[in-house]
Amino acid sequence: MTRIRLENLRKSFGDTTVVHGIDLEIEDGSFVALVGPSGCGKSTILRMIAGLEDTSGGSIFFGDRRVNDEEPKARNVAMVFQNYALYPHMTVRENIGLNLHLSKVPKAEVERLVMEAAAMLELQDLLDRRPAQLSGGQRQRVAMGRAMVRKPAVFLFDEPLSNLDAKLRVQMRAEIKHFHKTMQRTSIYVTHDQVEAMTLADKVVVLRDGRIEQSGDPITLYQTPSNVFVAQFIGSPAMNVVPAKVELDMHGHLSLVMATGWSVRLADATGLSQGQTLQIGIRPEHLVPVDTDSGFSASISQVEITGSQTALEVEANGIRLWSMVSGIRAPALGSNLWLSFQHDLAHVFDAKDGRRIGTLNDMTDRTALNTVANPSSVYGKSGV
């Protein structure tokens, strides 16, 4: 197995810098997902690790060996691409064994390795077919088989599921996870789909504009995002982000007033000051219908029923939010409901730089939960 280390890795195309000094360590045998929106530099980083793209600065280490100047074949990596890259005139057997034949591996050993990979990927009955006779999922498994037979030190996946339909994506996610567990090789997986990253990886690296916003295990990124960008990128549907201000209530206490028309009294020594602008992050699954005396009023503008859950888009004081509730619900569009959430599940972000300050629970005066400031004075008429 191979530990990979990136030190101040940079890449520019002419005057345009696309990777800005990345530092990252990938442990032996781990599965790391590079995730982010299009253009964030994740595929470029993968290609530099593979040796398919020259670096503009910094270092790539495989173990203690600096590999910047090594050819791709010397790095002992295998890539699985989005477009499968299979030879249409070759059979499944020939596609899987091609690199072994090119490496002058004895025919008997090639056949043994091909059959071993085919058994693992359930391709035994397809070995004499050509790619045109296969489904998208089967083609992707052939591409994985061609990578596995080489016994590489590192597997690199470049958005391998992007061309598959929703059902096949779920199936192939399970197969890739099983594949990694069986092979026990260091794996780096590039995707723009945070669900893939969360379900597959031991470690998720969130990128934006060629920089790492946050890295860590999936649960850490979900529960303690470092900023608004990570908070909204990780989780589906995306986290609701509501503007808020720190104001004095009628008793002269500092209160946090949300743009939805709901507020809480702040505890002493929060470090917050009157007039400070913040953002409150609430995940849709944590925004739940409640009785009228414990939340804020909202109007239902959209209903999306998925079967096990229902997504409700609501509007409160002009702010659009999503609430995920269990089961099938079919409320009338335009009808009102009351919503609330647990303070320990709501995140507080600085409005200027988007950094996470803590949870609302950390800042709330627990002895005065029913103290309500006047939202109208800050955001206009409250409620809907």
Protein backbone atom coordinates (compact mmCIF):
# COMPACT_ATOMS: atom_id res chain seq x y z
CA MET A 1 0.00 0.00 0.00
CA THR A 2 1.05 3.61 -0.51
CA ARG A 3 0.75 6.76 1.55
CA ILE A 4 0.37 9.87 -0.62
CA ARG A 5 1.39 13.34 0.46
CA LEU A 6 0.81 16.60 -1.39
CA GLU A 7 2.92 19.57 -0.32
CA ASN A 8 2.06 23.06 -1.56
CA LEU A 9 0.80 21.55 -4.83
CA ARG A 10 0.06 24.16 -7.48
CA LYS A 11 -1.14 24.18 -11.07
CA SER A 12 -1.51 27.03 -13.53
CA PHE A 13 -2.60 27.15 -17.14
CA GLY A 14 -0.92 30.25 -18.52
CA ASP A 15 -1.87 33.14 -16.23
CA THR A 16 -4.76 31.21 -14.68
CA THR A 17 -4.05 29.38 -11.44
CA VAL A 18 -6.44 26.50 -10.83
CA VAL A 19 -4.80 24.80 -7.82
CA HIS A 20 -3.47 27.09 -5.09
CA GLY A 21 -0.92 25.40 -2.83
CA ILE A 22 -2.74 22.23 -1.72
CA ASP A 23 -1.43 20.37 1.35
CA LEU A 24 -2.99 16.94 1.86
CA GLU A 25 -2.03 13.57 3.35
CA ILE A 26 -3.72 10.34 2.26
CA GLU A 27 -3.07 7.36 4.50
CA ASP A 28 -2.12 3.86 3.34
CA GLY A 29 -5.16 1.91 2.21
CA SER A 30 -7.62 4.75 2.81
CA PHE A 31 -10.44 5.86 0.53
CA VAL A 32 -10.40 9.64 0.01
CA ALA A 33 -12.99 11.60 -1.96
CA LEU A 34 -12.17 14.94 -3.58
CA VAL A 35 -15.48 16.76 -3.89
CA GLY A 36 -16.53 20.19 -5.04
CA PRO A 37 -18.34 22.10 -7.78
CA SER A 38 -17.21 22.07 -11.41
CA GLY A 39 -13.98 23.97 -11.91
CA CYS A 40 -12.72 23.58 -8.33
CA GLY A 41 -9.58 21.70 -9.46
CA LYS A 42 -10.37 18.17 -8.23
CA SER A 43 -9.78 16.37 -11.55
CA THR A 44 -6.62 18.41 -12.14
CA ILE A 45 -5.26 17.28 -8.76
CA LEU A 46 -6.06 13.66 -9.64
CA ARG A 47 -4.30 13.95 -13.00
CA MET A 48 -1.22 15.43 -11.34
CA ILE A 49 -1.12 12.52 -8.90
CA ALA A 50 -1.39 10.12 -11.85
CA GLY A 51 1.35 11.92 -13.76
CA LEU A 52 -0.97 12.85 -16.63
CA GLU A 53 -0.59 16.55 -15.82
CA ASP A 54 2.63 18.38 -14.93
CA THR A 55 2.74 20.33 -11.69
CA SER A 56 3.45 24.06 -11.62
CA GLY A 57 4.91 23.87 -8.12
CA GLY A 58 5.00 21.85 -4.94
CA SER A 59 5.62 18.14 -4.43
CA ILE A 60 3.83 14.80 -4.70
CA PHE A 61 5.16 11.98 -2.53
CA PHE A 62 4.31 8.29 -2.71
CA GLY A 63 5.60 7.16 0.65
CA ASP A 64 8.97 8.92 0.98
CA ARG A 65 9.51 9.00 -2.80
CA ARG A 66 8.97 12.28 -4.66
CA VAL A 67 7.28 11.35 -7.92
CA ASN A 68 6.88 14.72 -9.68
CA ASP A 69 9.30 13.75 -12.44
CA GLU A 70 8.27 10.11 -12.78
CA GLU A 71 6.31 8.84 -15.79
CA PRO A 72 2.74 7.62 -15.09
CA LYS A 73 3.70 3.96 -15.59
CA ALA A 74 6.47 4.28 -12.97
CA ARG A 75 4.00 5.46 -10.32
CA ASN A 76 2.07 2.18 -10.36
CA VAL A 77 -1.38 3.78 -10.39
CA ALA A 78 -4.55 2.67 -12.15
CA MET A 79 -7.31 5.04 -13.26
CA VAL A 80 -11.00 4.43 -13.80
CA PHE A 81 -12.50 7.15 -15.99
CA GLN A 82 -15.97 8.56 -16.47
CA ASN A 83 -16.13 7.37 -20.10
CA TYR A 84 -14.91 3.77 -19.40
CA ALA A 85 -12.19 4.01 -22.13
CA LEU A 86 -12.83 0.47 -23.42
CA TYR A 87 -11.73 -0.75 -26.84
CA PRO A 88 -14.94 -1.47 -28.79
CA HIS A 89 -13.39 -4.17 -31.03
CA MET A 90 -12.11 -6.19 -28.06
CA THR A 91 -14.05 -8.59 -25.87
CA VAL A 92 -14.46 -8.09 -22.13
CA ARG A 93 -11.72 -10.67 -21.59
CA GLU A 94 -9.35 -8.84 -23.93
CA ASN A 95 -10.12 -5.41 -22.44
CA ILE A 96 -9.47 -6.59 -18.89
CA GLY A 97 -6.22 -8.34 -19.82
CA LEU A 98 -4.86 -5.79 -22.26
CA ASN A 99 -2.37 -4.07 -19.94
CA LEU A 100 -1.07 -7.43 -18.76
CA HIS A 101 -0.42 -8.54 -22.34
CA LEU A 102 1.37 -5.25 -23.04
CA SER A 103 3.53 -5.89 -19.97
CA LYS A 104 4.51 -9.34 -21.38
CA VAL A 105 2.83 -11.25 -18.54
CA PRO A 106 2.61 -14.98 -19.40
CA LYS A 107 -0.68 -15.99 -20.99
CA ALA A 108 -1.58 -18.45 -18.24
CA GLU A 109 -1.07 -15.77 -15.59
CA VAL A 110 -3.12 -13.26 -17.60
CA GLU A 111 -5.99 -15.75 -17.83
CA ARG A 112 -5.81 -16.45 -14.10
CA LEU A 113 -5.86 -12.76 -13.17
CA VAL A 114 -8.66 -11.97 -15.64
CA MET A 115 -10.82 -14.78 -14.27
CA GLU A 116 -10.11 -13.68 -10.71
CA ALA A 117 -11.21 -10.11 -11.48
CA ALA A 118 -14.23 -11.30 -13.47
CA ALA A 119 -15.39 -13.45 -10.55
CA MET A 120 -15.05 -10.57 -8.11
CA LEU A 121 -17.02 -8.24 -10.39
CA GLU A 122 -19.54 -10.88 -11.54
CA LEU A 123 -18.44 -10.66 -15.18
CA GLN A 124 -17.80 -14.39 -15.78
CA ASP A 125 -20.75 -14.76 -18.18
CA LEU A 126 -19.82 -11.64 -20.15
CA LEU A 127 -16.18 -12.32 -20.99
CA ASP A 128 -16.80 -12.99 -24.69
CA ARG A 129 -19.04 -9.98 -25.25
CA ARG A 130 -17.91 -6.64 -26.66
CA PRO A 131 -18.59 -3.26 -24.94
CA ALA A 132 -21.51 -2.45 -27.27
CA GLN A 133 -23.31 -5.52 -25.89
CA LEU A 134 -23.01 -4.34 -22.28
CA SER A 135 -24.99 -1.98 -20.07
CA GLY A 136 -23.37 1.14 -18.63
CA GLY A 137 -22.87 -0.52 -15.25
CA GLN A 138 -21.31 -3.59 -16.85
CA ARG A 139 -18.91 -1.43 -18.87
CA GLN A 140 -17.85 0.38 -15.72
CA ARG A 141 -17.18 -2.94 -14.02
CA VAL A 142 -15.01 -3.98 -16.98
CA ALA A 143 -13.04 -0.74 -16.58
CA MET A 144 -12.60 -1.52 -12.88
CA GLY A 145 -11.50 -5.06 -13.73
CA ARG A 146 -8.86 -3.77 -16.13
CA ALA A 147 -7.54 -1.56 -13.33
CA MET A 148 -7.58 -4.30 -10.66
CA VAL A 149 -5.63 -6.96 -12.57
CA ARG A 150 -2.53 -4.78 -12.58
CA LYS A 151 -2.40 -4.88 -8.76
CA PRO A 152 -1.56 -1.15 -8.61
CA ALA A 153 -0.46 0.65 -5.47
CA VAL A 154 -3.06 3.38 -5.96
CA PHE A 155 -6.51 3.47 -7.55
CA LEU A 156 -7.72 6.77 -9.02
CA PHE A 157 -11.41 7.22 -9.88
CA ASP A 158 -12.41 10.22 -12.01
CA GLU A 159 -16.20 10.63 -11.70
CA PRO A 160 -16.78 6.98 -12.72
CA LEU A 161 -20.55 7.02 -12.11
CA SER A 162 -21.50 10.25 -13.88
CA ASN A 163 -22.83 8.49 -16.99
CA LEU A 164 -25.06 6.04 -15.10
CA ASP A 165 -28.73 6.34 -14.23
CA ALA A 166 -29.83 6.78 -10.61
CA LYS A 167 -30.47 3.10 -9.88
CA LEU A 168 -27.15 1.99 -11.37
CA ARG A 169 -25.30 4.69 -9.44
CA VAL A 170 -26.55 3.25 -6.16
CA GLN A 171 -25.62 -0.26 -7.26
CA MET A 172 -22.15 0.78 -8.45
CA ARG A 173 -21.48 2.72 -5.24
CA ALA A 174 -21.96 -0.51 -3.33
CA GLU A 175 -19.72 -2.37 -5.78
CA ILE A 176 -16.94 0.22 -5.54
CA LYS A 177 -17.10 0.10 -1.74
CA HIS A 178 -16.86 -3.71 -1.84
CA PHE A 179 -14.07 -3.40 -4.40
CA HIS A 180 -12.04 -1.15 -2.09
CA LYS A 181 -12.64 -3.38 0.92
CA THR A 182 -11.43 -6.39 -1.06
CA MET A 183 -8.41 -4.76 -2.69
CA GLN A 184 -7.29 -2.70 0.33
CA ARG A 185 -5.46 -0.20 -1.88
CA THR A 186 -5.11 3.54 -1.41
CA SER A 187 -7.96 5.05 -3.44
CA ILE A 188 -8.73 8.62 -4.49
CA TYR A 189 -12.20 9.31 -5.86
CA VAL A 190 -13.17 12.53 -7.65
CA THR A 191 -16.84 13.50 -7.74
CA HIS A 192 -19.12 16.53 -7.70
CA ASP A 193 -21.79 14.41 -5.96
CA GLN A 194 -21.54 14.83 -2.20
CA VAL A 195 -23.75 11.76 -1.64
CA GLU A 196 -21.13 9.60 -3.38
CA ALA A 197 -18.39 11.20 -1.30
CA MET A 198 -20.26 10.73 1.99
CA THR A 199 -21.20 7.10 1.36
CA LEU A 200 -17.90 5.88 -0.08
CA ALA A 201 -15.03 7.71 1.57
CA ASP A 202 -13.17 7.43 4.86
CA LYS A 203 -12.06 11.01 4.33
CA VAL A 204 -13.75 13.77 2.33
CA VAL A 205 -11.84 16.77 0.98
CA VAL A 206 -14.08 19.70 0.02
CA LEU A 207 -12.54 21.97 -2.61
CA ARG A 208 -13.49 25.41 -3.91
CA ASP A 209 -11.56 27.46 -6.46
CA GLY A 210 -8.48 25.28 -6.16
CA ARG A 211 -8.27 25.44 -2.37
CA ILE A 212 -9.24 23.03 0.40
CA GLU A 213 -12.15 24.39 2.40
CA GLN A 214 -12.24 21.47 4.86
CA SER A 215 -11.21 17.84 5.08
CA GLY A 216 -12.20 15.11 7.49
CA ASP A 217 -14.43 12.10 7.92
CA PRO A 218 -17.98 12.45 6.53
CA ILE A 219 -19.66 12.73 9.94
CA THR A 220 -17.36 15.55 11.05
CA LEU A 221 -18.03 17.53 7.87
CA TYR A 222 -21.78 17.04 8.28
CA GLN A 223 -21.94 17.88 11.98
CA THR A 224 -19.28 20.60 12.24
CA PRO A 225 -18.77 22.29 8.85
CA SER A 226 -16.05 24.92 9.01
CA ASN A 227 -17.96 27.49 6.96
CA VAL A 228 -21.17 28.17 5.05
CA PHE A 229 -19.81 26.75 1.79
CA VAL A 230 -19.05 23.34 3.32
CA ALA A 231 -22.31 23.40 5.29
CA GLN A 232 -24.37 23.87 2.14
CA PHE A 233 -22.31 21.54 -0.03
CA ILE A 234 -22.44 18.58 2.37
CA GLY A 235 -25.96 17.25 2.94
CA SER A 236 -28.96 16.85 0.68
CA PRO A 237 -31.11 18.90 0.45
CA ALA A 238 -28.66 21.71 1.19
CA MET A 239 -28.60 23.38 4.58
CA ASN A 240 -30.94 26.35 5.02
CA VAL A 241 -29.01 29.56 5.75
CA VAL A 242 -31.01 32.35 7.38
CA PRO A 243 -29.77 35.93 7.92
CA ALA A 244 -29.79 37.12 11.53
CA LYS A 245 -28.82 40.18 13.59
CA VAL A 246 -27.82 40.78 17.17
CA GLU A 247 -30.27 43.30 18.70
CA LEU A 248 -31.38 44.56 22.11
CA ASP A 249 -34.75 43.22 23.23
CA MET A 250 -37.33 45.21 25.19
CA HIS A 251 -35.56 44.33 28.44
CA GLY A 252 -32.17 45.50 27.25
CA HIS A 253 -30.76 42.00 26.68
CA LEU A 254 -28.91 40.95 23.54
CA SER A 255 -31.04 38.72 21.34
CA LEU A 256 -30.43 36.99 18.07
CA VAL A 257 -33.20 37.92 15.64
CA MET A 258 -33.62 35.76 12.56
CA ALA A 259 -35.03 37.07 9.29
CA THR A 260 -37.82 34.47 9.56
CA GLY A 261 -39.31 36.43 12.45
CA TRP A 262 -38.02 34.30 15.34
CA SER A 263 -35.50 35.17 18.03
CA VAL A 264 -33.73 33.95 21.16
CA ARG A 265 -32.01 35.74 24.00
CA LEU A 266 -28.25 35.38 23.93
CA ALA A 267 -26.19 34.22 26.87
CA ASP A 268 -23.57 36.49 28.41
CA ALA A 269 -19.97 36.32 27.19
CA THR A 270 -20.81 35.10 23.68
CA GLY A 271 -18.43 37.63 22.20
CA LEU A 272 -21.23 38.94 19.96
CA SER A 273 -22.12 42.65 19.81
CA GLN A 274 -25.22 44.68 19.02
CA GLY A 275 -25.74 45.13 15.30
CA GLN A 276 -23.52 42.19 14.33
CA THR A 277 -24.78 40.25 11.32
CA LEU A 278 -24.76 36.45 11.36
CA GLN A 279 -26.14 33.52 9.44
CA ILE A 280 -28.01 30.64 11.05
CA GLY A 281 -27.64 27.24 9.37
CA ILE A 282 -30.46 24.71 9.82
CA ARG A 283 -30.56 21.41 7.95
CA PRO A 284 -33.94 20.61 6.34
CA GLU A 285 -34.26 17.42 8.41
CA HIS A 286 -33.86 19.50 11.59
CA LEU A 287 -36.55 22.04 10.65
CA VAL A 288 -39.76 20.40 11.85
CA PRO A 289 -43.46 21.32 12.21
CA VAL A 290 -44.45 22.25 15.78
CA ASP A 291 -47.27 23.83 17.80
CA THR A 292 -47.86 27.52 17.26
CA ASP A 293 -46.33 28.63 20.57
CA SER A 294 -42.86 27.20 19.95
CA GLY A 295 -41.73 28.32 16.52
CA PHE A 296 -42.27 30.69 13.60
CA SER A 297 -45.00 30.79 10.99
CA ALA A 298 -44.35 29.85 7.35
CA SER A 299 -46.37 29.37 4.18
CA ILE A 300 -46.01 26.21 2.07
CA SER A 301 -44.92 27.01 -1.49
CA GLN A 302 -43.88 23.57 -2.79
CA VAL A 303 -44.29 19.89 -1.87
CA GLU A 304 -42.01 17.09 -3.10
CA ILE A 305 -43.04 13.57 -2.07
CA THR A 306 -40.31 10.93 -2.35
CA GLY A 307 -42.14 8.12 -0.53
CA SER A 308 -40.28 7.67 2.74
CA GLN A 309 -39.96 11.45 3.13
CA THR A 310 -41.64 14.64 2.00
CA ALA A 311 -39.73 17.84 1.25
CA LEU A 312 -41.62 21.04 1.99
CA GLU A 313 -40.46 24.36 0.61
CA VAL A 314 -41.80 27.12 2.83
CA GLU A 315 -41.57 30.89 2.97
CA ALA A 316 -41.29 33.00 6.11
CA ASN A 317 -40.81 36.77 5.88
CA GLY A 318 -39.63 36.35 2.30
CA ILE A 319 -37.04 33.73 3.27
CA ARG A 320 -37.33 30.38 1.44
CA LEU A 321 -36.52 27.27 3.47
CA TRP A 322 -36.73 23.51 3.07
CA SER A 323 -38.12 21.15 5.68
CA MET A 324 -37.77 17.35 5.40
CA VAL A 325 -40.47 15.39 7.22
CA SER A 326 -40.91 11.62 7.41
CA GLY A 327 -43.62 9.80 5.49
CA ILE A 328 -46.05 11.08 2.89
CA ARG A 329 -47.52 14.54 3.50
CA ALA A 330 -49.73 16.44 1.10
CA PRO A 331 -50.52 19.85 2.62
CA ALA A 332 -52.24 22.43 0.45
CA LEU A 333 -50.00 24.97 -1.26
CA GLY A 334 -50.34 28.32 0.45
CA SER A 335 -51.38 26.82 3.77
CA ASN A 336 -49.54 27.85 6.93
CA LEU A 337 -47.57 25.79 9.40
CA TRP A 338 -45.28 26.49 12.36
CA LEU A 339 -41.67 25.37 12.35
CA SER A 340 -38.87 25.08 14.88
CA PHE A 341 -35.57 23.28 15.48
CA GLN A 342 -33.22 22.21 18.24
CA HIS A 343 -30.64 24.82 19.24
CA ASP A 344 -27.83 22.27 19.35
CA LEU A 345 -28.52 21.34 15.71
CA ALA A 346 -28.44 24.92 14.40
CA HIS A 347 -25.10 26.42 13.34
CA VAL A 348 -24.04 30.04 13.67
CA PHE A 349 -21.82 31.53 10.96
CA ASP A 350 -20.23 34.95 10.65
CA ALA A 351 -22.00 36.82 7.85
CA LYS A 352 -18.82 38.51 6.61
CA ASP A 353 -16.47 35.58 6.03
CA GLY A 354 -18.85 32.63 6.40
CA ARG A 355 -16.78 30.91 9.11
CA ARG A 356 -18.57 28.78 11.68
CA ILE A 357 -18.71 30.30 15.17
CA GLY A 358 -20.53 27.45 16.93
CA THR A 359 -24.02 26.14 17.53
CA LEU A 360 -26.97 28.25 18.58
CA ASN A 361 -27.06 26.18 21.76
CA ASP A 362 -23.61 27.53 22.69
CA MET A 363 -24.92 31.09 22.60
CA THR A 364 -28.48 30.83 23.92
CA ASP A 365 -29.58 31.96 27.37
CA ARG A 366 -31.32 28.75 28.45
CA THR A 367 -33.20 30.56 31.23
CA ALA A 368 -34.99 32.87 28.81
CA LEU A 369 -36.03 30.74 25.83
CA ASN A 370 -39.41 32.42 25.53
CA THR A 371 -38.04 35.94 25.41
CA VAL A 372 -38.85 37.31 21.96
CA ALA A 373 -37.42 40.48 20.48
CA ASN A 374 -39.42 42.50 18.00
CA PRO A 375 -38.52 41.05 14.56
CA SER A 376 -40.51 43.79 12.81
CA SER A 377 -38.00 46.39 13.95
CA VAL A 378 -35.17 44.51 12.23
CA TYR A 379 -36.63 42.67 9.22
CA GLY A 380 -40.15 44.07 8.85
CA LYS A 381 -43.41 42.29 9.55
CA SER A 382 -42.89 38.85 11.07
CA GLY A 383 -44.83 35.76 10.15
CA VAL A 384 -46.65 35.12 6.92
